């Protein structure tokens, strides 16, 4: 199993419509066939603690079987379309892959 987690910082000043379009496009990534599970969320309202990072806007976590499936996911047309449609709204992107 490989866990692919991406933290997105959106571009400041986005309209509500732009944020909604970003989230809608983000949800399309769950349709990629090698994605066994896909979770999307925003910063939780948990208590602030020094070890908790809250300096991001959206989190995507995709579970795939292995590195080969991760590579298929990365090169999938839906993934490329998401990047092409939304990259202007990525203020910062951080990726964490774990096995």
N, C-alpha and C. Protein backbone atom coordinates (compact mmCIF):
# COMPACT_ATOMS: atom_id res chain seq x y z
N UNK A 1 0.84 -1.18 0.00
CA UNK A 1 0.00 0.00 0.00
C UNK A 1 0.89 1.24 0.00
N UNK A 2 0.48 2.23 -0.76
CA UNK A 2 1.17 3.51 -0.79
C UNK A 2 0.14 4.60 -0.48
N UNK A 3 0.50 5.49 0.42
CA UNK A 3 -0.36 6.62 0.80
C UNK A 3 0.25 7.88 0.22
N UNK A 4 -0.52 8.54 -0.64
CA UNK A 4 -0.09 9.76 -1.33
C UNK A 4 -0.91 10.91 -0.76
N UNK A 5 -0.26 11.81 -0.03
CA UNK A 5 -0.96 12.93 0.59
C UNK A 5 -0.40 14.24 0.03
N UNK A 6 -1.31 15.13 -0.33
CA UNK A 6 -0.94 16.42 -0.90
C UNK A 6 -1.63 17.52 -0.10
N UNK A 7 -0.85 18.49 0.33
CA UNK A 7 -1.38 19.67 1.02
C UNK A 7 -1.33 20.84 0.05
N UNK A 8 -2.47 21.48 -0.14
CA UNK A 8 -2.59 22.60 -1.06
C UNK A 8 -2.78 23.90 -0.28
N UNK A 9 -1.99 24.89 -0.60
CA UNK A 9 -2.25 26.26 -0.17
C UNK A 9 -2.80 26.97 -1.40
N UNK A 10 -4.02 27.45 -1.29
CA UNK A 10 -4.63 28.13 -2.42
C UNK A 10 -4.14 29.56 -2.53
N UNK A 11 -4.24 30.09 -3.73
CA UNK A 11 -3.84 31.46 -3.99
C UNK A 11 -4.74 32.41 -3.21
N UNK A 12 -4.16 33.35 -2.47
CA UNK A 12 -4.98 34.30 -1.72
C UNK A 12 -5.91 35.09 -2.65
N UNK A 13 -7.10 35.40 -2.15
CA UNK A 13 -8.04 36.23 -2.89
C UNK A 13 -8.93 35.48 -3.86
N UNK A 14 -8.92 34.15 -3.81
CA UNK A 14 -9.80 33.39 -4.70
C UNK A 14 -11.26 33.64 -4.33
N UNK A 15 -12.10 33.69 -5.34
CA UNK A 15 -13.54 33.86 -5.08
C UNK A 15 -14.12 32.54 -4.58
N UNK A 16 -15.32 32.62 -4.01
CA UNK A 16 -16.02 31.41 -3.56
C UNK A 16 -16.24 30.46 -4.73
N UNK A 17 -16.52 31.00 -5.91
CA UNK A 17 -16.75 30.18 -7.09
C UNK A 17 -15.45 29.46 -7.51
N UNK A 18 -14.33 30.15 -7.43
CA UNK A 18 -13.05 29.54 -7.78
C UNK A 18 -12.69 28.43 -6.79
N UNK A 19 -12.93 28.65 -5.52
CA UNK A 19 -12.66 27.62 -4.51
C UNK A 19 -13.57 26.41 -4.74
N UNK A 20 -14.83 26.66 -5.05
CA UNK A 20 -15.76 25.56 -5.32
C UNK A 20 -15.33 24.77 -6.55
N UNK A 21 -14.86 25.45 -7.58
CA UNK A 21 -14.38 24.77 -8.78
C UNK A 21 -13.12 23.96 -8.48
N UNK A 22 -12.23 24.50 -7.64
CA UNK A 22 -11.04 23.77 -7.24
C UNK A 22 -11.44 22.47 -6.54
N UNK A 23 -12.35 22.58 -5.58
CA UNK A 23 -12.77 21.40 -4.83
C UNK A 23 -13.47 20.38 -5.74
N UNK A 24 -14.30 20.86 -6.64
CA UNK A 24 -14.98 19.96 -7.58
C UNK A 24 -13.96 19.20 -8.43
N UNK A 25 -12.97 19.91 -8.97
CA UNK A 25 -11.92 19.26 -9.77
C UNK A 25 -11.08 18.32 -8.91
N UNK A 26 -10.82 18.70 -7.67
CA UNK A 26 -10.05 17.85 -6.77
C UNK A 26 -10.77 16.51 -6.57
N UNK A 27 -12.07 16.56 -6.47
CA UNK A 27 -12.86 15.33 -6.27
C UNK A 27 -12.82 14.40 -7.47
N UNK A 28 -12.51 14.91 -8.65
CA UNK A 28 -12.41 14.03 -9.82
C UNK A 28 -11.27 13.04 -9.69
N UNK A 29 -10.27 13.35 -8.86
CA UNK A 29 -9.12 12.46 -8.71
C UNK A 29 -9.53 11.12 -8.09
N UNK A 30 -10.63 11.11 -7.36
CA UNK A 30 -11.13 9.87 -6.76
C UNK A 30 -11.64 8.89 -7.81
N UNK A 31 -11.88 9.37 -9.02
CA UNK A 31 -12.40 8.50 -10.09
C UNK A 31 -11.31 7.73 -10.82
N UNK A 32 -10.06 8.04 -10.53
CA UNK A 32 -8.96 7.32 -11.19
C UNK A 32 -8.97 5.89 -10.69
N UNK A 33 -8.99 4.95 -11.60
CA UNK A 33 -9.26 3.55 -11.25
C UNK A 33 -8.27 2.91 -10.29
N UNK A 34 -7.01 3.34 -10.26
CA UNK A 34 -6.05 2.72 -9.34
C UNK A 34 -6.18 3.27 -7.92
N UNK A 35 -6.97 4.32 -7.74
CA UNK A 35 -7.18 4.90 -6.40
C UNK A 35 -8.13 4.00 -5.63
N UNK A 36 -7.61 3.31 -4.62
CA UNK A 36 -8.42 2.41 -3.80
C UNK A 36 -9.29 3.19 -2.81
N UNK A 37 -8.80 4.34 -2.39
CA UNK A 37 -9.54 5.24 -1.51
C UNK A 37 -9.02 6.65 -1.75
N UNK A 38 -9.89 7.62 -1.52
CA UNK A 38 -9.50 9.02 -1.72
C UNK A 38 -10.23 9.85 -0.67
N UNK A 39 -9.47 10.66 0.04
CA UNK A 39 -10.02 11.50 1.10
C UNK A 39 -9.63 12.95 0.83
N UNK A 40 -10.58 13.84 0.96
CA UNK A 40 -10.36 15.26 0.73
C UNK A 40 -10.87 16.01 1.95
N UNK A 41 -10.10 16.96 2.43
CA UNK A 41 -10.56 17.72 3.58
C UNK A 41 -9.89 19.07 3.69
N UNK A 42 -10.40 19.82 4.64
CA UNK A 42 -9.86 21.13 4.99
C UNK A 42 -9.29 21.03 6.41
N UNK A 43 -8.62 22.05 6.84
CA UNK A 43 -8.04 22.07 8.18
C UNK A 43 -9.15 21.83 9.21
N UNK A 44 -8.90 20.86 10.08
CA UNK A 44 -9.88 20.52 11.12
C UNK A 44 -9.86 21.56 12.23
N UNK A 45 -10.96 21.65 12.93
CA UNK A 45 -11.08 22.61 14.03
C UNK A 45 -10.60 22.05 15.35
N UNK A 46 -9.57 21.23 15.32
CA UNK A 46 -9.03 20.66 16.55
C UNK A 46 -8.25 21.72 17.33
N UNK A 47 -7.98 21.43 18.59
CA UNK A 47 -7.23 22.37 19.41
C UNK A 47 -5.86 22.62 18.82
N UNK A 48 -5.42 23.86 18.91
CA UNK A 48 -4.10 24.24 18.43
C UNK A 48 -3.04 23.65 19.36
N UNK A 49 -2.07 22.97 18.76
CA UNK A 49 -0.93 22.42 19.49
C UNK A 49 0.32 22.68 18.67
N UNK A 50 1.47 22.79 19.29
CA UNK A 50 2.70 23.10 18.55
C UNK A 50 3.02 22.10 17.44
N UNK A 51 2.60 20.86 17.56
CA UNK A 51 2.94 19.84 16.56
C UNK A 51 1.95 19.78 15.39
N UNK A 52 0.84 20.50 15.48
CA UNK A 52 -0.19 20.44 14.43
C UNK A 52 0.04 21.58 13.44
N UNK A 53 0.16 21.21 12.17
CA UNK A 53 0.33 22.20 11.13
C UNK A 53 -1.03 22.54 10.52
N UNK A 54 -1.32 23.81 10.48
CA UNK A 54 -2.61 24.27 9.94
C UNK A 54 -2.40 25.31 8.84
N UNK A 55 -1.22 25.33 8.26
CA UNK A 55 -0.90 26.34 7.26
C UNK A 55 -1.16 25.84 5.84
N UNK A 56 -2.32 25.24 5.64
CA UNK A 56 -2.73 24.74 4.33
C UNK A 56 -4.24 24.89 4.22
N UNK A 57 -4.77 24.74 2.99
CA UNK A 57 -6.21 24.93 2.77
C UNK A 57 -6.95 23.63 2.48
N UNK A 58 -6.38 22.77 1.63
CA UNK A 58 -7.01 21.49 1.28
C UNK A 58 -5.98 20.38 1.39
N UNK A 59 -6.47 19.21 1.81
CA UNK A 59 -5.64 18.01 1.86
C UNK A 59 -6.29 16.94 1.00
N UNK A 60 -5.46 16.29 0.21
CA UNK A 60 -5.89 15.15 -0.59
C UNK A 60 -5.06 13.96 -0.15
N UNK A 61 -5.71 12.85 0.17
CA UNK A 61 -5.01 11.61 0.46
C UNK A 61 -5.58 10.54 -0.45
N UNK A 62 -4.69 9.91 -1.22
CA UNK A 62 -5.07 8.85 -2.14
C UNK A 62 -4.31 7.59 -1.74
N UNK A 63 -5.03 6.49 -1.64
CA UNK A 63 -4.43 5.19 -1.32
C UNK A 63 -4.37 4.38 -2.61
N UNK A 64 -3.18 3.89 -2.94
CA UNK A 64 -2.99 3.00 -4.10
C UNK A 64 -2.27 1.75 -3.60
N UNK A 65 -2.27 0.72 -4.43
CA UNK A 65 -1.67 -0.56 -4.02
C UNK A 65 -0.16 -0.52 -3.90
N UNK A 66 0.52 0.19 -4.82
CA UNK A 66 1.98 0.12 -4.88
C UNK A 66 2.52 1.30 -5.69
N UNK A 67 3.84 1.33 -5.84
CA UNK A 67 4.48 2.43 -6.57
C UNK A 67 4.05 2.43 -8.03
N UNK A 68 3.90 1.25 -8.63
CA UNK A 68 3.47 1.18 -10.03
C UNK A 68 2.10 1.84 -10.20
N UNK A 69 1.16 1.59 -9.29
CA UNK A 69 -0.15 2.23 -9.36
C UNK A 69 -0.06 3.73 -9.10
N UNK A 70 0.84 4.12 -8.23
CA UNK A 70 1.08 5.55 -8.00
C UNK A 70 1.52 6.22 -9.30
N UNK A 71 2.40 5.56 -10.03
CA UNK A 71 2.89 6.12 -11.29
C UNK A 71 1.77 6.20 -12.32
N UNK A 72 0.90 5.20 -12.35
CA UNK A 72 -0.27 5.24 -13.24
C UNK A 72 -1.17 6.42 -12.85
N UNK A 73 -1.41 6.60 -11.56
CA UNK A 73 -2.22 7.71 -11.05
C UNK A 73 -1.62 9.05 -11.50
N UNK A 74 -0.32 9.20 -11.33
CA UNK A 74 0.35 10.46 -11.68
C UNK A 74 0.22 10.78 -13.17
N UNK A 75 0.21 9.77 -14.01
CA UNK A 75 0.18 9.99 -15.46
C UNK A 75 -1.23 9.85 -16.04
N UNK A 76 -2.24 9.72 -15.20
CA UNK A 76 -3.61 9.54 -15.67
C UNK A 76 -4.14 10.86 -16.26
N UNK A 77 -4.92 10.79 -17.35
CA UNK A 77 -5.48 12.02 -17.94
C UNK A 77 -6.29 12.87 -16.96
N UNK A 78 -7.00 12.24 -16.04
CA UNK A 78 -7.77 13.01 -15.04
C UNK A 78 -6.84 13.81 -14.14
N UNK A 79 -5.71 13.23 -13.76
CA UNK A 79 -4.73 13.94 -12.94
C UNK A 79 -4.13 15.11 -13.72
N UNK A 80 -3.78 14.86 -14.97
CA UNK A 80 -3.23 15.94 -15.81
C UNK A 80 -4.25 17.05 -16.01
N UNK A 81 -5.53 16.69 -16.19
CA UNK A 81 -6.58 17.70 -16.37
C UNK A 81 -6.74 18.54 -15.11
N UNK A 82 -6.70 17.90 -13.93
CA UNK A 82 -6.80 18.64 -12.68
C UNK A 82 -5.68 19.67 -12.59
N UNK A 83 -4.47 19.25 -12.86
CA UNK A 83 -3.33 20.18 -12.79
C UNK A 83 -3.49 21.31 -13.79
N UNK A 84 -3.83 20.98 -15.02
CA UNK A 84 -3.99 22.01 -16.06
C UNK A 84 -5.07 23.01 -15.70
N UNK A 85 -6.18 22.53 -15.15
CA UNK A 85 -7.31 23.40 -14.83
C UNK A 85 -7.09 24.24 -13.58
N UNK A 86 -6.30 23.74 -12.63
CA UNK A 86 -6.24 24.37 -11.32
C UNK A 86 -4.87 24.91 -10.91
N UNK A 87 -3.83 24.66 -11.69
CA UNK A 87 -2.48 25.03 -11.23
C UNK A 87 -2.32 26.52 -10.94
N UNK A 88 -3.13 27.36 -11.57
CA UNK A 88 -3.02 28.79 -11.27
C UNK A 88 -3.47 29.12 -9.86
N UNK A 89 -4.17 28.16 -9.21
CA UNK A 89 -4.66 28.40 -7.85
C UNK A 89 -3.82 27.71 -6.78
N UNK A 90 -2.72 27.07 -7.19
CA UNK A 90 -1.82 26.45 -6.21
C UNK A 90 -0.84 27.50 -5.71
N UNK A 91 -1.05 27.99 -4.49
CA UNK A 91 -0.06 28.88 -3.91
C UNK A 91 1.19 28.10 -3.52
N UNK A 92 0.99 26.95 -2.94
CA UNK A 92 2.05 26.03 -2.55
C UNK A 92 1.45 24.63 -2.53
N UNK A 93 2.25 23.66 -2.92
CA UNK A 93 1.83 22.26 -2.88
C UNK A 93 2.93 21.47 -2.18
N UNK A 94 2.52 20.66 -1.19
CA UNK A 94 3.47 19.78 -0.50
C UNK A 94 2.97 18.35 -0.65
N UNK A 95 3.87 17.45 -1.03
CA UNK A 95 3.50 16.05 -1.27
C UNK A 95 4.25 15.16 -0.30
N UNK A 96 3.50 14.20 0.28
CA UNK A 96 4.06 13.22 1.20
C UNK A 96 3.63 11.84 0.71
N UNK A 97 4.59 11.00 0.33
CA UNK A 97 4.31 9.63 -0.10
C UNK A 97 4.89 8.67 0.92
N UNK A 98 4.09 7.73 1.35
CA UNK A 98 4.56 6.76 2.35
C UNK A 98 4.11 5.35 2.00
N UNK A 99 4.96 4.39 2.34
CA UNK A 99 4.62 2.98 2.13
C UNK A 99 4.47 2.30 3.48
